[in-house]
Amino acid sequence: MRKILTYPVSEIEPYINWIYFYHAWSLDGKPREEKALLRKEAENVLHSWEGKVVLRAVFGLYDANSDGDDLLVGGVRIPMLRQQKADAQGAPNLCLADFVRPLSSGIKDRAGAFATTVDLVKVESLQDDPYRKMLLQTLSDRLAEGTAEKMHEDVRRRYWGYAPHEHLTIQETHLEKYQGIRPAVGYPSLPDASVNFILGDLLGIKEIGIRLTESGMMVPHASVSGLMFSHPKSRYFDVGKIGEDQLRDYARRRGLPIELMRHFLQSSLLRK
């Protein structure tokens, strides 16, 4: 299954996590009044966008298995990285491939992929106002994340349907009380931005207006992409800093030159 969803701003506004919005403005620990003033201004902008800005998502649900540290999703092989240091003594070093059945089981499992985006170009001119530019960018980033949150909820409850009776408050949703995870590209468990080239082809992200730069970054900037897993024990983790051994193994599995992978993973490499 592959599906494109569109949402009005008003439907996504409740899913915005304002904590991260305040963090982007360095308002952590600042007076409540200061946060309230900025939020009021942001909400006014959101209301002005209603009917003008359309929030888009595309997702796909595919047969999936793991093959070592590789994910096989919809017939596409997506190499993953394994956590370098377990979160607790005796705990396993996790890899996202661990959350689907191994190919050797002979049983097909399922996994998802997604992308969401917010394009303001048609309704907002950033021009030379730094404050306005930052307000619009941080707000659109939150909308892209909120769209991913709403899309994931719809997938869990309806399209994939593995949690049809889920009933969570927005706060519980933000605390990730639901079953399953949706690790995003560029985040700790999926740090390689070049995975976007694989997901881009798999999902057809151009249809919702996303294009990729040479470094795998998405344009518009307010875009999110990633994978979805339903396993009850799936959880987020940090791959951590990888050494030359895993870099070489990962480059081999990706079928790309080591130096190219070194470029994509430079922020995840151990320093010599």
C-alpha atoms as a PDB file:
ATOM      1  CA  MET A   1       0.000   0.000   0.000  1.00  0.00           C
ATOM      2  CA  ARG A   2       1.174   3.492  -0.887  1.00  0.00           C
ATOM      3  CA  LYS A   3      -0.930   6.535  -0.131  1.00  0.00           C
ATOM      4  CA  ILE A   4      -0.666  10.331  -0.265  1.00  0.00           C
ATOM      5  CA  LEU A   5      -2.476  12.239   2.475  1.00  0.00           C
ATOM      6  CA  THR A   6      -3.187  15.955   2.764  1.00  0.00           C
ATOM      7  CA  TYR A   7      -4.165  17.835   5.894  1.00  0.00           C
ATOM      8  CA  PRO A   8      -5.334  21.382   6.600  1.00  0.00           C
ATOM      9  CA  VAL A   9      -3.306  23.401   9.095  1.00  0.00           C
ATOM     10  CA  SER A  10      -6.155  23.315  11.630  1.00  0.00           C
ATOM     11  CA  GLU A  11      -6.071  19.501  11.746  1.00  0.00           C
ATOM     12  CA  ILE A  12      -2.334  19.414  12.461  1.00  0.00           C
ATOM     13  CA  GLU A  13      -2.147  22.332  14.908  1.00  0.00           C
ATOM     14  CA  PRO A  14      -3.173  20.159  17.915  1.00  0.00           C
ATOM     15  CA  TYR A  15      -0.282  17.792  17.131  1.00  0.00           C
ATOM     16  CA  ILE A  16       2.400  20.483  17.359  1.00  0.00           C
ATOM     17  CA  ASN A  17       4.845  19.842  20.180  1.00  0.00           C
ATOM     18  CA  TRP A  18       5.444  23.351  21.473  1.00  0.00           C
ATOM     19  CA  ILE A  19       8.288  22.217  23.733  1.00  0.00           C
ATOM     20  CA  TYR A  20      10.527  21.814  20.675  1.00  0.00           C
ATOM     21  CA  PHE A  21       9.303  25.108  19.256  1.00  0.00           C
ATOM     22  CA  TYR A  22      10.399  26.911  22.434  1.00  0.00           C
ATOM     23  CA  HIS A  23      13.696  25.026  22.396  1.00  0.00           C
ATOM     24  CA  ALA A  24      14.413  26.285  18.871  1.00  0.00           C
ATOM     25  CA  TRP A  25      13.971  29.804  20.230  1.00  0.00           C
ATOM     26  CA  SER A  26      16.219  29.081  23.250  1.00  0.00           C
ATOM     27  CA  LEU A  27      13.299  29.703  25.593  1.00  0.00           C
ATOM     28  CA  ASP A  28      13.956  26.712  27.859  1.00  0.00           C
ATOM     29  CA  GLY A  29      13.732  27.992  31.428  1.00  0.00           C
ATOM     30  CA  LYS A  30      12.442  31.407  30.329  1.00  0.00           C
ATOM     31  CA  PRO A  31       9.370  33.023  31.952  1.00  0.00           C
ATOM     32  CA  ARG A  32       6.015  31.528  31.015  1.00  0.00           C
ATOM     33  CA  GLU A  33       4.827  34.938  29.796  1.00  0.00           C
ATOM     34  CA  GLU A  34       7.602  35.110  27.222  1.00  0.00           C
ATOM     35  CA  LYS A  35       6.665  31.696  25.847  1.00  0.00           C
ATOM     36  CA  ALA A  36       2.964  32.581  25.802  1.00  0.00           C
ATOM     37  CA  LEU A  37       3.632  35.767  23.826  1.00  0.00           C
ATOM     38  CA  LEU A  38       5.605  33.911  21.150  1.00  0.00           C
ATOM     39  CA  ARG A  39       3.059  31.112  20.980  1.00  0.00           C
ATOM     40  CA  LYS A  40       0.231  33.592  20.493  1.00  0.00           C
ATOM     41  CA  GLU A  41       2.085  35.151  17.576  1.00  0.00           C
ATOM     42  CA  ALA A  42       2.782  31.706  16.129  1.00  0.00           C
ATOM     43  CA  GLU A  43      -0.878  30.706  16.442  1.00  0.00           C
ATOM     44  CA  ASN A  44      -1.917  33.877  14.621  1.00  0.00           C
ATOM     45  CA  VAL A  45       0.388  32.868  11.761  1.00  0.00           C
ATOM     46  CA  LEU A  46      -1.083  29.354  11.737  1.00  0.00           C
ATOM     47  CA  HIS A  47      -4.601  30.730  11.494  1.00  0.00           C
ATOM     48  CA  SER A  48      -3.580  33.011   8.620  1.00  0.00           C
ATOM     49  CA  TRP A  49      -2.314  29.939   6.745  1.00  0.00           C
ATOM     50  CA  GLU A  50      -5.603  28.046   6.965  1.00  0.00           C
ATOM     51  CA  GLY A  51      -6.870  27.340   3.466  1.00  0.00           C
ATOM     52  CA  LYS A  52      -3.582  28.503   1.925  1.00  0.00           C
ATOM     53  CA  VAL A  53      -1.018  25.973   3.180  1.00  0.00           C
ATOM     54  CA  VAL A  54      -1.620  22.274   2.545  1.00  0.00           C
ATOM     55  CA  LEU A  55       0.376  19.783   4.591  1.00  0.00           C
ATOM     56  CA  ARG A  56       1.337  16.676   2.640  1.00  0.00           C
ATOM     57  CA  ALA A  57       2.393  13.169   3.581  1.00  0.00           C
ATOM     58  CA  VAL A  58       3.208  10.045   1.632  1.00  0.00           C
ATOM     59  CA  PHE A  59       3.612   6.641   3.197  1.00  0.00           C
ATOM     60  CA  GLY A  60       4.037   3.081   2.039  1.00  0.00           C
ATOM     61  CA  LEU A  61       3.449  -0.229   3.826  1.00  0.00           C
ATOM     62  CA  TYR A  62       5.536  -3.103   2.499  1.00  0.00           C
ATOM     63  CA  ASP A  63       6.439  -6.727   3.004  1.00  0.00           C
ATOM     64  CA  ALA A  64       9.611  -6.676   5.062  1.00  0.00           C
ATOM     65  CA  ASN A  65      12.294  -8.879   6.576  1.00  0.00           C
ATOM     66  CA  SER A  66      15.752  -8.452   8.016  1.00  0.00           C
ATOM     67  CA  ASP A  67      18.892  -9.958   6.559  1.00  0.00           C
ATOM     68  CA  GLY A  68      21.622  -9.436   9.115  1.00  0.00           C
ATOM     69  CA  ASP A  69      21.731  -5.674   9.675  1.00  0.00           C
ATOM     70  CA  ASP A  70      19.920  -4.961   6.415  1.00  0.00           C
ATOM     71  CA  LEU A  71      16.228  -4.242   6.036  1.00  0.00           C
ATOM     72  CA  LEU A  72      14.440  -5.696   3.032  1.00  0.00           C
ATOM     73  CA  VAL A  73      11.466  -3.402   2.458  1.00  0.00           C
ATOM     74  CA  GLY A  74       9.243  -3.772  -0.583  1.00  0.00           C
ATOM     75  CA  GLY A  75      12.016  -5.618  -2.398  1.00  0.00           C
ATOM     76  CA  VAL A  76      14.532  -2.846  -1.617  1.00  0.00           C
ATOM     77  CA  ARG A  77      17.577  -3.498   0.547  1.00  0.00           C
ATOM     78  CA  ILE A  78      18.264  -0.765   3.109  1.00  0.00           C
ATOM     79  CA  PRO A  79      21.435  -1.307   5.172  1.00  0.00           C
ATOM     80  CA  MET A  80      21.200  -0.157   8.788  1.00  0.00           C
ATOM     81  CA  LEU A  81      23.764   0.704  11.467  1.00  0.00           C
ATOM     82  CA  ARG A  82      24.015  -1.115  14.804  1.00  0.00           C
ATOM     83  CA  GLN A  83      24.174   0.610  18.161  1.00  0.00           C
ATOM     84  CA  GLN A  84      27.771   0.791  19.380  1.00  0.00           C
ATOM     85  CA  LYS A  85      27.080   0.875  23.107  1.00  0.00           C
ATOM     86  CA  ALA A  86      24.089  -0.777  24.753  1.00  0.00           C
ATOM     87  CA  ASP A  87      21.848   1.449  26.862  1.00  0.00           C
ATOM     88  CA  ALA A  88      22.274  -0.790  29.899  1.00  0.00           C
ATOM     89  CA  GLN A  89      24.491  -3.629  31.043  1.00  0.00           C
ATOM     90  CA  GLY A  90      23.262  -6.892  29.582  1.00  0.00           C
ATOM     91  CA  ALA A  91      21.036  -5.136  27.032  1.00  0.00           C
ATOM     92  CA  PRO A  92      21.532  -5.875  23.318  1.00  0.00           C
ATOM     93  CA  ASN A  93      23.207  -3.498  20.890  1.00  0.00           C
ATOM     94  CA  LEU A  94      20.191  -2.580  18.794  1.00  0.00           C
ATOM     95  CA  CYS A  95      19.700  -2.165  15.050  1.00  0.00           C
ATOM     96  CA  LEU A  96      16.457  -1.111  13.366  1.00  0.00           C
ATOM     97  CA  ALA A  97      16.601  -4.347  11.389  1.00  0.00           C
ATOM     98  CA  ASP A  98      16.014  -6.192  14.681  1.00  0.00           C
ATOM     99  CA  PHE A  99      12.380  -5.054  14.711  1.00  0.00           C
ATOM    100  CA  VAL A 100      11.198  -7.208  11.786  1.00  0.00           C
ATOM    101  CA  ARG A 101      11.324 -10.969  11.317  1.00  0.00           C
ATOM    102  CA  PRO A 102      14.556 -12.370   9.849  1.00  0.00           C
ATOM    103  CA  LEU A 103      14.486 -13.597   6.261  1.00  0.00           C
ATOM    104  CA  SER A 104      15.569 -17.020   7.519  1.00  0.00           C
ATOM    105  CA  SER A 105      12.220 -17.401   9.352  1.00  0.00           C
ATOM    106  CA  GLY A 106      10.454 -17.802   6.023  1.00  0.00           C
ATOM    107  CA  ILE A 107       7.663 -15.544   7.304  1.00  0.00           C
ATOM    108  CA  LYS A 108       7.000 -12.147   5.747  1.00  0.00           C
ATOM    109  CA  ASP A 109       6.752  -9.245   8.144  1.00  0.00           C
ATOM    110  CA  ARG A 110       5.717  -5.657   7.478  1.00  0.00           C
ATOM    111  CA  ALA A 111       7.351  -2.243   7.744  1.00  0.00           C
ATOM    112  CA  GLY A 112       6.524   1.246   6.579  1.00  0.00           C
ATOM    113  CA  ALA A 113       8.251   4.293   5.130  1.00  0.00           C
ATOM    114  CA  PHE A 114       7.030   7.892   5.084  1.00  0.00           C
ATOM    115  CA  ALA A 115       7.758  11.505   4.242  1.00  0.00           C
ATOM    116  CA  THR A 116       5.944  14.730   5.150  1.00  0.00           C
ATOM    117  CA  THR A 117       6.480  18.292   4.013  1.00  0.00           C
ATOM    118  CA  VAL A 118       5.383  21.914   4.353  1.00  0.00           C
ATOM    119  CA  ASP A 119       5.963  24.311   1.458  1.00  0.00           C
ATOM    120  CA  LEU A 120       5.457  27.995   2.310  1.00  0.00           C
ATOM    121  CA  VAL A 121       6.875  29.479  -0.878  1.00  0.00           C
ATOM    122  CA  LYS A 122       3.463  30.225  -2.415  1.00  0.00           C
ATOM    123  CA  VAL A 123       2.059  32.039   0.609  1.00  0.00           C
ATOM    124  CA  GLU A 124       4.986  33.659   2.431  1.00  0.00           C
ATOM    125  CA  SER A 125       7.809  35.929   1.334  1.00  0.00           C
ATOM    126  CA  LEU A 126      10.715  35.707   3.778  1.00  0.00           C
ATOM    127  CA  GLN A 127      12.542  38.696   2.285  1.00  0.00           C
ATOM    128  CA  ASP A 128      14.948  40.403   4.701  1.00  0.00           C
ATOM    129  CA  ASP A 129      13.159  40.110   8.048  1.00  0.00           C
ATOM    130  CA  PRO A 130      15.306  37.711  10.158  1.00  0.00           C
ATOM    131  CA  TYR A 131      12.748  37.483  12.975  1.00  0.00           C
ATOM    132  CA  ARG A 132       9.876  36.664  10.614  1.00  0.00           C
ATOM    133  CA  LYS A 133      12.061  34.193   8.739  1.00  0.00           C
ATOM    134  CA  MET A 134      12.929  32.331  11.935  1.00  0.00           C
ATOM    135  CA  LEU A 135       9.319  32.332  13.109  1.00  0.00           C
ATOM    136  CA  LEU A 136       8.080  30.864   9.844  1.00  0.00           C
ATOM    137  CA  GLN A 137      10.882  28.292   9.642  1.00  0.00           C
ATOM    138  CA  THR A 138      10.524  27.023  13.210  1.00  0.00           C
ATOM    139  CA  LEU A 139       6.750  26.925  12.860  1.00  0.00           C
ATOM    140  CA  SER A 140       6.856  25.063   9.562  1.00  0.00           C
ATOM    141  CA  ASP A 141       9.354  22.586  11.068  1.00  0.00           C
ATOM    142  CA  ARG A 142       6.846  21.893  13.850  1.00  0.00           C
ATOM    143  CA  LEU A 143       4.072  21.476  11.291  1.00  0.00           C
ATOM    144  CA  ALA A 144       6.119  18.923   9.345  1.00  0.00           C
ATOM    145  CA  GLU A 145       6.722  16.977  12.570  1.00  0.00           C
ATOM    146  CA  GLY A 146       3.064  17.368  13.549  1.00  0.00           C
ATOM    147  CA  THR A 147       2.021  16.044  10.151  1.00  0.00           C
ATOM    148  CA  ALA A 148       4.250  13.006  10.706  1.00  0.00           C
ATOM    149  CA  GLU A 149       2.609  12.533  14.116  1.00  0.00           C
ATOM    150  CA  LYS A 150      -0.905  12.674  12.668  1.00  0.00           C
ATOM    151  CA  MET A 151       0.005  10.497   9.684  1.00  0.00           C
ATOM    152  CA  HIS A 152       1.554   7.888  12.002  1.00  0.00           C
ATOM    153  CA  GLU A 153      -1.602   7.885  14.118  1.00  0.00           C
ATOM    154  CA  ASP A 154      -3.741   7.336  11.009  1.00  0.00           C
ATOM    155  CA  VAL A 155      -1.429   4.528   9.886  1.00  0.00           C
ATOM    156  CA  ARG A 156      -1.509   2.762  13.270  1.00  0.00           C
ATOM    157  CA  ARG A 157      -5.272   3.026  13.691  1.00  0.00           C
ATOM    158  CA  ARG A 158      -6.554   2.732  10.133  1.00  0.00           C
ATOM    159  CA  TYR A 159      -4.240   1.995   7.217  1.00  0.00           C
ATOM    160  CA  TRP A 160      -1.893  -0.537   8.838  1.00  0.00           C
ATOM    161  CA  GLY A 161      -4.478  -1.016  11.528  1.00  0.00           C
ATOM    162  CA  TYR A 162      -2.374  -2.809  14.118  1.00  0.00           C
ATOM    163  CA  ALA A 163      -3.736  -0.512  16.868  1.00  0.00           C
ATOM    164  CA  PRO A 164      -7.381   0.099  15.856  1.00  0.00           C
ATOM    165  CA  HIS A 165      -8.555   0.682  19.424  1.00  0.00           C
ATOM    166  CA  GLU A 166      -5.780   3.054  20.434  1.00  0.00           C
ATOM    167  CA  HIS A 167      -7.034   6.061  22.379  1.00  0.00           C
ATOM    168  CA  LEU A 168      -4.338   8.502  23.463  1.00  0.00           C
ATOM    169  CA  THR A 169      -4.321  12.122  24.510  1.00  0.00           C
ATOM    170  CA  ILE A 170      -2.044  14.505  22.618  1.00  0.00           C
ATOM    171  CA  GLN A 171       0.273  14.531  25.639  1.00  0.00           C
ATOM    172  CA  GLU A 172       0.433  10.712  25.640  1.00  0.00           C
ATOM    173  CA  THR A 173       1.103  10.800  21.901  1.00  0.00           C
ATOM    174  CA  HIS A 174       3.981  13.248  22.378  1.00  0.00           C
ATOM    175  CA  LEU A 175       5.330  10.940  25.097  1.00  0.00           C
ATOM    176  CA  GLU A 176       5.266   8.104  22.527  1.00  0.00           C
ATOM    177  CA  LYS A 177       2.895   5.896  24.514  1.00  0.00           C
ATOM    178  CA  TYR A 178       1.736   4.212  21.304  1.00  0.00           C
ATOM    179  CA  GLN A 179       2.923   0.854  19.994  1.00  0.00           C
ATOM    180  CA  GLY A 180       5.714   1.023  17.428  1.00  0.00           C
ATOM    181  CA  ILE A 181       8.171   3.710  16.371  1.00  0.00           C
ATOM    182  CA  ARG A 182       8.838   5.972  13.374  1.00  0.00           C
ATOM    183  CA  PRO A 183      12.585   6.726  13.368  1.00  0.00           C
ATOM    184  CA  ALA A 184      13.355   9.698  11.134  1.00  0.00           C
ATOM    185  CA  VAL A 185      16.321  10.020   8.803  1.00  0.00           C
ATOM    186  CA  GLY A 186      19.047  12.084  10.433  1.00  0.00           C
ATOM    187  CA  TYR A 187      17.987  11.128  13.954  1.00  0.00           C
ATOM    188  CA  PRO A 188      20.120   9.010  16.348  1.00  0.00           C
ATOM    189  CA  SER A 189      18.985   5.546  15.213  1.00  0.00           C
ATOM    190  CA  LEU A 190      19.042   6.481  11.494  1.00  0.00           C
ATOM    191  CA  PRO A 191      21.849   9.061  11.167  1.00  0.00           C
ATOM    192  CA  ASP A 192      22.738   8.619   7.487  1.00  0.00           C
ATOM    193  CA  ALA A 193      20.987  11.323   5.426  1.00  0.00           C
ATOM    194  CA  SER A 194      21.814   9.441   2.213  1.00  0.00           C
ATOM    195  CA  VAL A 195      19.128   6.896   3.146  1.00  0.00           C
ATOM    196  CA  ASN A 196      16.797   9.569   1.776  1.00  0.00           C
ATOM    197  CA  PHE A 197      17.901   8.611  -1.738  1.00  0.00           C
ATOM    198  CA  ILE A 198      16.584   5.085  -1.134  1.00  0.00           C
ATOM    199  CA  LEU A 199      13.374   6.232   0.542  1.00  0.00           C
ATOM    200  CA  GLY A 200      12.876   8.923  -2.091  1.00  0.00           C
ATOM    201  CA  ASP A 201      12.750   6.347  -4.861  1.00  0.00           C
ATOM    202  CA  LEU A 202      10.715   3.880  -2.808  1.00  0.00           C
ATOM    203  CA  LEU A 203       8.053   6.438  -1.874  1.00  0.00           C
ATOM    204  CA  GLY A 204       8.105   8.777  -4.874  1.00  0.00           C
ATOM    205  CA  ILE A 205       8.563  11.860  -2.679  1.00  0.00           C
ATOM    206  CA  LYS A 206       8.609  14.177  -5.706  1.00  0.00           C
ATOM    207  CA  GLU A 207       4.832  13.743  -5.866  1.00  0.00           C
ATOM    208  CA  ILE A 208       4.453  15.705  -2.626  1.00  0.00           C
ATOM    209  CA  GLY A 209       6.961  18.361  -3.674  1.00  0.00           C
ATOM    210  CA  ILE A 210      10.155  17.119  -1.986  1.00  0.00           C
ATOM    211  CA  ARG A 211      13.466  17.123  -3.807  1.00  0.00           C
ATOM    212  CA  LEU A 212      16.861  16.023  -2.517  1.00  0.00           C
ATOM    213  CA  THR A 213      20.163  17.873  -2.555  1.00  0.00           C
ATOM    214  CA  GLU A 214      23.454  16.130  -3.335  1.00  0.00           C
ATOM    215  CA  SER A 215      23.930  15.552   0.397  1.00  0.00           C
ATOM    216  CA  GLY A 216      20.533  13.873   0.785  1.00  0.00           C
ATOM    217  CA  MET A 217      18.921  16.832   2.545  1.00  0.00           C
ATOM    218  CA  MET A 218      15.282  17.491   1.732  1.00  0.00           C
ATOM    219  CA  VAL A 219      13.895  20.647   0.156  1.00  0.00           C
ATOM    220  CA  PRO A 220      11.641  22.210   1.445  1.00  0.00           C
ATOM    221  CA  HIS A 221      13.627  22.277   4.671  1.00  0.00           C
ATOM    222  CA  ALA A 222      10.446  21.616   6.674  1.00  0.00           C
ATOM    223  CA  SER A 223      10.270  17.963   5.671  1.00  0.00           C
ATOM    224  CA  VAL A 224      10.572  14.708   7.595  1.00  0.00           C
ATOM    225  CA  SER A 225      11.210  11.185   6.324  1.00  0.00           C
ATOM    226  CA  GLY A 226      11.767   7.841   7.956  1.00  0.00           C
ATOM    227  CA  LEU A 227      10.628   4.304   8.638  1.00  0.00           C
ATOM    228  CA  MET A 228       7.782   2.786  10.652  1.00  0.00           C
ATOM    229  CA  PHE A 229       7.858  -0.361  12.772  1.00  0.00           C
ATOM    230  CA  SER A 230       4.987  -1.990  14.680  1.00  0.00           C
ATOM    231  CA  HIS A 231       6.852  -4.450  16.923  1.00  0.00           C
ATOM    232  CA  PRO A 232       5.665  -3.981  20.538  1.00  0.00           C
ATOM    233  CA  LYS A 233       9.262  -3.910  21.784  1.00  0.00           C
ATOM    234  CA  SER A 234      10.588  -1.562  19.122  1.00  0.00           C
ATOM    235  CA  ARG A 235      12.079   1.581  20.631  1.00  0.00           C
ATOM    236  CA  TYR A 236      14.299   4.511  19.810  1.00  0.00           C
ATOM    237  CA  PHE A 237      18.027   4.358  20.451  1.00  0.00           C
ATOM    238  CA  ASP A 238      21.239   6.152  19.586  1.00  0.00           C
ATOM    239  CA  VAL A 239      23.626   4.357  17.236  1.00  0.00           C
ATOM    240  CA  GLY A 240      26.472   6.400  18.727  1.00  0.00           C
ATOM    241  CA  LYS A 241      29.904   6.915  17.237  1.00  0.00           C
ATOM    242  CA  ILE A 242      30.971   4.213  14.789  1.00  0.00           C
ATOM    243  CA  GLY A 243      34.515   3.039  14.066  1.00  0.00           C
ATOM    244  CA  GLU A 244      36.313   2.209  10.841  1.00  0.00           C
ATOM    245  CA  ASP A 245      35.191  -1.420  10.998  1.00  0.00           C
ATOM    246  CA  GLN A 246      31.492  -0.584  10.890  1.00  0.00           C
ATOM    247  CA  LEU A 247      32.055   2.220   8.386  1.00  0.00           C
ATOM    248  CA  ARG A 248      33.729  -0.233   5.992  1.00  0.00           C
ATOM    249  CA  ASP A 249      31.048  -2.856   6.534  1.00  0.00           C
ATOM    250  CA  TYR A 250      28.281  -0.308   6.018  1.00  0.00           C
ATOM    251  CA  ALA A 251      29.877   1.075   2.839  1.00  0.00           C
ATOM    252  CA  ARG A 252      30.193  -2.471   1.506  1.00  0.00           C
ATOM    253  CA  ARG A 253      26.535  -3.200   2.191  1.00  0.00           C
ATOM    254  CA  ARG A 254      25.488   0.102   0.623  1.00  0.00           C
ATOM    255  CA  GLY A 255      27.645  -0.636  -2.395  1.00  0.00           C
ATOM    256  CA  LEU A 256      29.223   2.835  -2.177  1.00  0.00           C
ATOM    257  CA  PRO A 257      32.823   4.082  -1.813  1.00  0.00           C
ATOM    258  CA  ILE A 258      34.083   4.280   1.761  1.00  0.00           C
ATOM    259  CA  GLU A 259      35.041   7.950   1.424  1.00  0.00           C
ATOM    260  CA  LEU A 260      31.555   8.824   0.224  1.00  0.00           C
ATOM    261  CA  MET A 261      30.024   7.070   3.232  1.00  0.00           C
ATOM    262  CA  ARG A 262      32.575   8.810   5.443  1.00  0.00           C
ATOM    263  CA  HIS A 263      31.219  12.108   4.127  1.00  0.00           C
ATOM    264  CA  PHE A 264      27.598  11.170   4.863  1.00  0.00           C
ATOM    265  CA  LEU A 265      28.422   9.806   8.328  1.00  0.00           C
ATOM    266  CA  GLN A 266      31.048  12.323   9.414  1.00  0.00           C
ATOM    267  CA  SER A 267      29.085  13.424  12.482  1.00  0.00           C
ATOM    268  CA  SER A 268      28.729   9.769  13.584  1.00  0.00           C
ATOM    269  CA  LEU A 269      32.392   8.763  13.250  1.00  0.00           C
ATOM    270  CA  LEU A 270      34.838   8.230  16.085  1.00  0.00           C
ATOM    271  CA  ARG A 271      37.548  10.848  15.983  1.00  0.00           C
ATOM    272  CA  LYS A 272      41.065   9.500  15.579  1.00  0.00           C
END
